[in-house]
């Protein structure tokens, strides 16, 4: 498939270009997506952890709860995502809300 695309682009396929078809690439790609699929939301001492990234408490600008119990955050920072949506199980909503009030007092609820 990749070789066909390269031929259409006028590039002759070679062993150096077949990286996408290599076992190493496929293995790392699979490992990455398994990590993402089985990552879970964690409320940690230093912030909120999800998908291998820590959003520190002081970076949270505002938050709101969607009707389905999803926590929608707005954050500031150079390398942080400006917005994020985190699924929170209904039985943990009150605890997460209390933790937000305690750890991120600068964040306002919308």
Protein backbone atom coordinates (compact mmCIF):
# COMPACT_ATOMS: atom_id res chain seq x y z
CA UNK A 1 0.00 0.00 0.00
CA UNK A 2 2.72 2.46 0.97
CA UNK A 3 4.79 1.42 -2.04
CA UNK A 4 1.84 2.12 -4.36
CA UNK A 5 1.45 5.60 -2.89
CA UNK A 6 5.15 6.31 -3.36
CA UNK A 7 5.04 5.18 -6.98
CA UNK A 8 2.07 7.47 -7.57
CA UNK A 9 4.07 10.33 -6.07
CA UNK A 10 6.98 9.55 -8.39
CA UNK A 11 9.20 8.10 -5.65
CA UNK A 12 10.69 4.66 -6.20
CA UNK A 13 10.08 2.42 -3.19
CA UNK A 14 13.15 1.11 -1.41
CA UNK A 15 13.96 -0.67 1.82
CA UNK A 16 14.65 2.67 3.55
CA UNK A 17 11.14 3.91 2.78
CA UNK A 18 9.39 0.76 3.95
CA UNK A 19 9.65 1.79 7.61
CA UNK A 20 5.85 1.96 7.91
CA UNK A 21 5.68 -1.73 7.00
CA UNK A 22 8.38 -2.70 9.51
CA UNK A 23 7.70 -4.85 12.54
CA UNK A 24 9.22 -2.24 14.87
CA UNK A 25 6.90 0.50 13.70
CA UNK A 26 3.83 -1.72 13.95
CA UNK A 27 4.82 -2.91 17.41
CA UNK A 28 5.42 0.59 18.76
CA UNK A 29 2.23 1.88 17.13
CA UNK A 30 0.23 -0.95 18.71
CA UNK A 31 1.87 -0.43 22.11
CA UNK A 32 1.08 3.30 22.00
CA UNK A 33 -2.60 2.75 21.23
CA UNK A 34 -2.93 0.02 23.84
CA UNK A 35 -1.46 2.42 26.39
CA UNK A 36 -3.94 5.10 25.32
CA UNK A 37 -6.88 2.69 25.36
CA UNK A 38 -6.17 1.33 28.83
CA UNK A 39 -5.11 4.61 30.45
CA UNK A 40 -7.56 5.91 32.96
CA UNK A 41 -8.35 9.11 34.69
CA UNK A 42 -6.45 9.52 37.94
CA UNK A 43 -6.75 12.32 40.44
CA UNK A 44 -3.22 12.68 41.79
CA UNK A 45 -1.56 14.84 44.42
CA UNK A 46 -0.01 17.11 41.77
CA UNK A 47 -2.87 17.21 39.26
CA UNK A 48 -5.09 15.19 36.98
CA UNK A 49 -3.48 12.34 35.07
CA UNK A 50 -4.99 10.99 31.87
CA UNK A 51 -3.53 9.47 28.73
CA UNK A 52 0.02 9.76 30.00
CA UNK A 53 -0.14 13.47 30.72
CA UNK A 54 -0.35 15.37 33.99
CA UNK A 55 -2.41 18.53 34.13
CA UNK A 56 -1.17 20.37 37.21
CA UNK A 57 -3.72 21.99 39.49
CA UNK A 58 -2.38 25.53 39.09
CA UNK A 59 -2.89 25.34 35.31
CA UNK A 60 -6.64 24.80 35.53
CA UNK A 61 -8.43 28.05 34.70
CA UNK A 62 -12.05 26.88 34.76
CA UNK A 63 -14.18 23.77 34.67
CA UNK A 64 -17.75 22.65 34.22
CA UNK A 65 -19.72 19.45 34.46
CA UNK A 66 -21.51 18.24 31.33
CA UNK A 67 -24.91 16.57 31.63
CA UNK A 68 -23.38 13.12 31.19
CA UNK A 69 -20.93 13.64 34.11
CA UNK A 70 -17.96 14.59 31.96
CA UNK A 71 -15.59 17.10 33.51
CA UNK A 72 -14.73 19.77 30.95
CA UNK A 73 -11.55 21.69 31.81
CA UNK A 74 -9.93 24.79 30.45
CA UNK A 75 -6.24 25.10 31.18
CA UNK A 76 -3.43 27.57 30.58
CA UNK A 77 0.14 26.86 29.72
CA UNK A 78 2.68 26.64 26.97
CA UNK A 79 2.53 22.90 26.27
CA UNK A 80 -0.82 21.97 27.77
CA UNK A 81 -4.00 21.40 25.86
CA UNK A 82 -6.22 24.47 26.26
CA UNK A 83 -9.34 22.34 26.77
CA UNK A 84 -10.03 18.79 27.78
CA UNK A 85 -12.94 16.54 28.61
CA UNK A 86 -12.51 13.82 31.18
CA UNK A 87 -15.08 11.10 31.82
CA UNK A 88 -15.74 10.83 35.56
CA UNK A 89 -17.79 7.93 36.93
CA UNK A 90 -20.97 9.26 38.60
CA UNK A 91 -20.03 7.79 41.99
CA UNK A 92 -16.82 9.87 42.00
CA UNK A 93 -18.22 13.21 40.82
CA UNK A 94 -18.63 14.73 44.30
CA UNK A 95 -15.15 13.65 45.40
CA UNK A 96 -13.57 15.08 42.23
CA UNK A 97 -15.50 18.32 42.68
CA UNK A 98 -14.33 18.63 46.30
CA UNK A 99 -10.75 17.91 45.24
CA UNK A 100 -10.96 20.59 42.55
CA UNK A 101 -12.18 23.14 45.09
CA UNK A 102 -9.35 22.22 47.46
CA UNK A 103 -6.46 21.84 45.00
CA UNK A 104 -7.40 24.38 42.31
CA UNK A 105 -9.00 27.31 44.18
CA UNK A 106 -8.08 29.65 41.31
CA UNK A 107 -10.29 27.67 38.90
CA UNK A 108 -13.82 28.89 38.59
CA UNK A 109 -16.78 26.65 37.93
CA UNK A 110 -18.76 27.67 34.86
